[in-house]
C-alpha atoms as a PDB file:
ATOM      1  CA  MET A   1       0.017   0.037  -0.016  1.00  0.00           C
ATOM      2  CA  SER A   2       1.396   3.371  -0.922  1.00  0.00           C
ATOM      3  CA  GLU A   3       2.149   5.961   1.732  1.00  0.00           C
ATOM      4  CA  ALA A   4      -0.171   8.512   0.063  1.00  0.00           C
ATOM      5  CA  VAL A   5      -3.181   6.237   0.550  1.00  0.00           C
ATOM      6  CA  MET A   6      -2.386   5.798   4.219  1.00  0.00           C
ATOM      7  CA  ASP A   7      -2.266   9.549   4.702  1.00  0.00           C
ATOM      8  CA  ASP A   8      -5.847   9.964   3.457  1.00  0.00           C
ATOM      9  CA  MET A   9      -8.935   9.605   5.608  1.00  0.00           C
ATOM     10  CA  LYS A  10     -12.269   8.443   4.236  1.00  0.00           C
ATOM     11  CA  VAL A  11     -15.127  10.683   5.363  1.00  0.00           C
ATOM     12  CA  ILE A  12     -18.931  10.625   5.015  1.00  0.00           C
ATOM     13  CA  VAL A  13     -20.026  14.163   4.144  1.00  0.00           C
ATOM     14  CA  PHE A  14     -23.368  15.415   5.428  1.00  0.00           C
ATOM     15  CA  GLN A  15     -25.215  18.680   5.540  1.00  0.00           C
ATOM     16  CA  LEU A  16     -26.730  20.812   8.307  1.00  0.00           C
ATOM     17  CA  LYS A  17     -28.279  24.088   7.116  1.00  0.00           C
ATOM     18  CA  ASP A  18     -25.682  25.581   4.758  1.00  0.00           C
ATOM     19  CA  GLU A  19     -22.596  23.850   6.201  1.00  0.00           C
ATOM     20  CA  GLU A  20     -20.908  20.583   5.256  1.00  0.00           C
ATOM     21  CA  TYR A  21     -19.667  18.234   7.990  1.00  0.00           C
ATOM     22  CA  GLY A  22     -17.762  15.009   7.960  1.00  0.00           C
ATOM     23  CA  VAL A  23     -17.400  11.968  10.146  1.00  0.00           C
ATOM     24  CA  GLU A  24     -14.853   9.230   9.511  1.00  0.00           C
ATOM     25  CA  VAL A  25     -16.245   6.224   7.720  1.00  0.00           C
ATOM     26  CA  GLU A  26     -14.869   3.857  10.434  1.00  0.00           C
ATOM     27  CA  GLN A  27     -17.398   5.342  12.862  1.00  0.00           C
ATOM     28  CA  VAL A  28     -20.371   5.048  10.519  1.00  0.00           C
ATOM     29  CA  ARG A  29     -22.444   1.834  10.587  1.00  0.00           C
ATOM     30  CA  SER A  30     -25.168   2.849   8.064  1.00  0.00           C
ATOM     31  CA  ILE A  31     -27.141   5.742   6.591  1.00  0.00           C
ATOM     32  CA  GLU A  32     -30.896   5.375   6.881  1.00  0.00           C
ATOM     33  CA  ARG A  33     -34.003   7.197   5.784  1.00  0.00           C
ATOM     34  CA  VAL A  34     -35.947   8.726   8.656  1.00  0.00           C
ATOM     35  CA  GLN A  35     -38.425   6.279  10.129  1.00  0.00           C
ATOM     36  CA  HIS A  36     -40.859   6.564  13.027  1.00  0.00           C
ATOM     37  CA  ILE A  37     -39.064   7.913  16.053  1.00  0.00           C
ATOM     38  CA  THR A  38     -40.550   7.148  19.461  1.00  0.00           C
ATOM     39  CA  ARG A  39     -40.170   9.983  21.924  1.00  0.00           C
ATOM     40  CA  VAL A  40     -38.688   9.241  25.272  1.00  0.00           C
ATOM     41  CA  PRO A  41     -39.774  11.354  28.214  1.00  0.00           C
ATOM     42  CA  SER A  42     -37.257  13.241  30.381  1.00  0.00           C
ATOM     43  CA  THR A  43     -34.426  13.294  27.777  1.00  0.00           C
ATOM     44  CA  PRO A  44     -32.449  16.312  26.643  1.00  0.00           C
ATOM     45  CA  ASP A  45     -34.317  18.280  23.951  1.00  0.00           C
ATOM     46  CA  PHE A  46     -31.790  17.280  21.271  1.00  0.00           C
ATOM     47  CA  VAL A  47     -32.664  13.568  21.779  1.00  0.00           C
ATOM     48  CA  GLU A  48     -35.457  12.937  19.307  1.00  0.00           C
ATOM     49  CA  GLY A  49     -36.206   9.560  20.824  1.00  0.00           C
ATOM     50  CA  VAL A  50     -35.502   5.961  19.722  1.00  0.00           C
ATOM     51  CA  ILE A  51     -35.953   3.786  16.697  1.00  0.00           C
ATOM     52  CA  ASN A  52     -36.023   0.020  16.280  1.00  0.00           C
ATOM     53  CA  LEU A  53     -33.232  -0.564  13.771  1.00  0.00           C
ATOM     54  CA  ARG A  54     -33.063  -4.198  12.760  1.00  0.00           C
ATOM     55  CA  GLY A  55     -34.071  -5.304  16.236  1.00  0.00           C
ATOM     56  CA  VAL A  56     -31.787  -2.862  18.128  1.00  0.00           C
ATOM     57  CA  VAL A  57     -33.226   0.090  20.039  1.00  0.00           C
ATOM     58  CA  THR A  58     -31.117   3.019  18.827  1.00  0.00           C
ATOM     59  CA  PRO A  59     -31.210   6.499  20.382  1.00  0.00           C
ATOM     60  CA  ILE A  60     -31.682   9.303  17.807  1.00  0.00           C
ATOM     61  CA  ILE A  61     -30.080  12.767  18.178  1.00  0.00           C
ATOM     62  CA  ASP A  62     -31.068  15.790  16.202  1.00  0.00           C
ATOM     63  CA  LEU A  63     -27.694  17.474  15.315  1.00  0.00           C
ATOM     64  CA  ARG A  64     -29.443  20.777  14.433  1.00  0.00           C
ATOM     65  CA  LYS A  65     -30.789  20.984  18.037  1.00  0.00           C
ATOM     66  CA  ARG A  66     -27.424  19.765  19.433  1.00  0.00           C
ATOM     67  CA  PHE A  67     -25.548  22.506  17.628  1.00  0.00           C
ATOM     68  CA  ASN A  68     -28.216  25.191  18.275  1.00  0.00           C
ATOM     69  CA  ILE A  69     -29.193  25.551  14.631  1.00  0.00           C
ATOM     70  CA  GLU A  70     -32.919  26.312  14.023  1.00  0.00           C
ATOM     71  CA  GLY A  71     -34.889  23.200  13.372  1.00  0.00           C
ATOM     72  CA  ILE A  72     -36.667  22.303  10.176  1.00  0.00           C
ATOM     73  CA  ASP A  73     -39.249  19.581   9.323  1.00  0.00           C
ATOM     74  CA  HIS A  74     -37.783  16.330   7.932  1.00  0.00           C
ATOM     75  CA  SER A  75     -37.769  16.175   4.150  1.00  0.00           C
ATOM     76  CA  GLU A  76     -37.001  13.669   1.377  1.00  0.00           C
ATOM     77  CA  THR A  77     -33.269  14.285   1.836  1.00  0.00           C
ATOM     78  CA  THR A  78     -33.237  13.989   5.651  1.00  0.00           C
ATOM     79  CA  ARG A  79     -31.129  11.020   6.779  1.00  0.00           C
ATOM     80  CA  VAL A  80     -30.175   9.289   9.995  1.00  0.00           C
ATOM     81  CA  ILE A  81     -26.477   8.443  10.118  1.00  0.00           C
ATOM     82  CA  ILE A  82     -25.928   5.497  12.498  1.00  0.00           C
ATOM     83  CA  VAL A  83     -22.562   5.996  14.174  1.00  0.00           C
ATOM     84  CA  THR A  84     -20.609   4.161  16.873  1.00  0.00           C
ATOM     85  CA  VAL A  85     -19.694   6.378  19.790  1.00  0.00           C
ATOM     86  CA  GLY A  86     -17.731   4.631  22.493  1.00  0.00           C
ATOM     87  CA  ASN A  87     -19.375   1.271  22.684  1.00  0.00           C
ATOM     88  CA  MET A  88     -22.864   2.158  21.615  1.00  0.00           C
ATOM     89  CA  GLU A  89     -24.717   3.058  18.401  1.00  0.00           C
ATOM     90  CA  VAL A  90     -26.452   6.415  18.065  1.00  0.00           C
ATOM     91  CA  GLY A  91     -28.392   7.842  15.106  1.00  0.00           C
ATOM     92  CA  LEU A  92     -27.677  11.444  14.020  1.00  0.00           C
ATOM     93  CA  VAL A  93     -30.439  13.263  12.159  1.00  0.00           C
ATOM     94  CA  VAL A  94     -28.921  15.360   9.360  1.00  0.00           C
ATOM     95  CA  ASP A  95     -30.390  17.361   6.490  1.00  0.00           C
ATOM     96  CA  ALA A  96     -28.707  15.276   3.789  1.00  0.00           C
ATOM     97  CA  ALA A  97     -25.878  12.758   3.473  1.00  0.00           C
ATOM     98  CA  ASN A  98     -23.972  13.944   0.408  1.00  0.00           C
ATOM     99  CA  ASP A  99     -21.048  11.641  -0.398  1.00  0.00           C
ATOM    100  CA  VAL A 100     -17.993   9.712   0.679  1.00  0.00           C
ATOM    101  CA  ILE A 101     -14.665  11.395   0.008  1.00  0.00           C
ATOM    102  CA  ASP A 102     -10.982  10.894   0.693  1.00  0.00           C
ATOM    103  CA  ILE A 103      -9.327  13.779   2.475  1.00  0.00           C
ATOM    104  CA  PRO A 104      -5.534  14.084   2.569  1.00  0.00           C
ATOM    105  CA  LYS A 105      -4.436  14.543   6.189  1.00  0.00           C
ATOM    106  CA  SER A 106      -2.397  17.509   4.997  1.00  0.00           C
ATOM    107  CA  ALA A 107      -5.696  19.318   4.097  1.00  0.00           C
ATOM    108  CA  VAL A 108      -6.949  19.123   7.689  1.00  0.00           C
ATOM    109  CA  GLU A 109      -6.291  22.001  10.028  1.00  0.00           C
ATOM    110  CA  PRO A 110      -6.935  22.155  13.774  1.00  0.00           C
ATOM    111  CA  PRO A 111     -10.289  23.657  14.763  1.00  0.00           C
ATOM    112  CA  PRO A 112     -10.432  27.451  14.912  1.00  0.00           C
ATOM    113  CA  GLU A 113     -10.662  28.936  18.376  1.00  0.00           C
ATOM    114  CA  VAL A 114     -14.192  30.115  18.809  1.00  0.00           C
ATOM    115  CA  VAL A 115     -14.368  32.683  21.603  1.00  0.00           C
ATOM    116  CA  GLY A 116     -16.903  31.517  24.156  1.00  0.00           C
ATOM    117  CA  GLY A 117     -18.352  28.942  21.756  1.00  0.00           C
ATOM    118  CA  LEU A 118     -19.180  25.401  22.781  1.00  0.00           C
ATOM    119  CA  GLU A 119     -19.166  24.297  19.141  1.00  0.00           C
ATOM    120  CA  ALA A 120     -15.369  24.287  19.008  1.00  0.00           C
ATOM    121  CA  GLU A 121     -15.205  21.244  21.320  1.00  0.00           C
ATOM    122  CA  TYR A 122     -17.255  19.211  18.816  1.00  0.00           C
ATOM    123  CA  ILE A 123     -14.923  20.018  15.980  1.00  0.00           C
ATOM    124  CA  ARG A 124     -11.919  17.708  15.295  1.00  0.00           C
ATOM    125  CA  GLY A 125     -10.632  19.827  12.451  1.00  0.00           C
ATOM    126  CA  VAL A 126     -11.453  21.701   9.298  1.00  0.00           C
ATOM    127  CA  ALA A 127     -10.583  20.272   5.913  1.00  0.00           C
ATOM    128  CA  LYS A 128      -9.868  22.690   3.053  1.00  0.00           C
ATOM    129  CA  LEU A 129     -10.811  21.124  -0.229  1.00  0.00           C
ATOM    130  CA  GLU A 130     -10.657  23.328  -3.339  1.00  0.00           C
ATOM    131  CA  LYS A 131     -13.769  25.490  -2.914  1.00  0.00           C
ATOM    132  CA  ARG A 132     -15.173  23.633   0.070  1.00  0.00           C
ATOM    133  CA  LEU A 133     -14.647  23.836   3.784  1.00  0.00           C
ATOM    134  CA  LEU A 134     -15.551  20.649   5.639  1.00  0.00           C
ATOM    135  CA  ILE A 135     -16.052  20.639   9.426  1.00  0.00           C
ATOM    136  CA  LEU A 136     -14.846  17.299  10.802  1.00  0.00           C
ATOM    137  CA  LEU A 137     -16.749  16.239  13.938  1.00  0.00           C
ATOM    138  CA  ASN A 138     -15.297  14.687  16.991  1.00  0.00           C
ATOM    139  CA  LEU A 139     -18.141  12.298  17.847  1.00  0.00           C
ATOM    140  CA  ASP A 140     -16.729  11.563  21.315  1.00  0.00           C
ATOM    141  CA  LYS A 141     -17.340  15.214  22.186  1.00  0.00           C
ATOM    142  CA  VAL A 142     -20.781  15.609  20.519  1.00  0.00           C
ATOM    143  CA  LEU A 143     -22.035  13.647  23.542  1.00  0.00           C
ATOM    144  CA  ASN A 144     -20.416  13.995  26.928  1.00  0.00           C
ATOM    145  CA  ALA A 145     -20.033  11.084  29.354  1.00  0.00           C
ATOM    146  CA  GLU A 146     -23.186  11.966  31.309  1.00  0.00           C
ATOM    147  CA  GLU A 147     -25.236  12.216  28.151  1.00  0.00           C
ATOM    148  CA  MET A 148     -23.827   8.856  26.945  1.00  0.00           C
ATOM    149  CA  ASN A 149     -24.904   7.260  30.229  1.00  0.00           C
ATOM    150  CA  GLU A 150     -28.430   8.601  29.806  1.00  0.00           C
ATOM    151  CA  LEU A 151     -28.596   7.233  26.282  1.00  0.00           C
ATOM    152  CA  GLN A 152     -27.276   3.870  27.387  1.00  0.00           C
ATOM    153  CA  GLU A 153     -30.161   3.705  29.906  1.00  0.00           C
ATOM    154  CA  ILE A 154     -32.582   4.373  26.972  1.00  0.00           C
ATOM    155  CA  GLU A 155     -30.859   1.795  24.772  1.00  0.00           C
ATOM    156  CA  GLY A 156     -30.545  -0.760  27.488  1.00  0.00           C
ATOM    157  CA  PRO A 157     -27.372  -2.478  28.595  1.00  0.00           C
ATOM    158  CA  VAL A 158     -24.671  -2.784  25.940  1.00  0.00           C
ATOM    159  CA  LYS A 159     -24.023  -6.360  24.946  1.00  0.00           C
END
C-alpha cells in the first residue's frame, strides 16, 4: 500500500443548514431514511427519541438541536447516520448525506478557536478542499459522558 493512501482519511459528508460536515467512515455503521421515532420522556431536547433498527433500540439525536441551529421539518433528503460512539450506536439526524470522500491529512487544520463557543469542542478539524470547507466532527465530544450514560439507559445495557 502506498504511503499517500495511508495519509488519506475516508469521510462521510453530510449537511446541516448551509454547512458541510464530515465523520470518519470507520465510525459510521449505516445511513438510513428517517423512520418513526418514538419520543422518550425526560431526555435532553436534542434527543429525538429511539428507533427500532433491525431489532436494536437506537437513540436518535437531532444534530441541528445539538448545535443550536434552528430546526426544520424532515424532508425527502433527511437522513439518519448511525454511528458508533464509545461502545454504543447512536443515530444522528442530518439534512442530507452527500457523499464519501478521501481527504488528505495535509488538508486538515486544527479547529479554529471560537471565543466563548461550545461548538469548538465538537470539531476535530477543518478540511480545506478546493472550494469547500468541511467541518470534521469529534463524535466523542458531541455527547459528553453523562449524556452517553443517559442514552445507554434508554438503549438498555450494551451487549
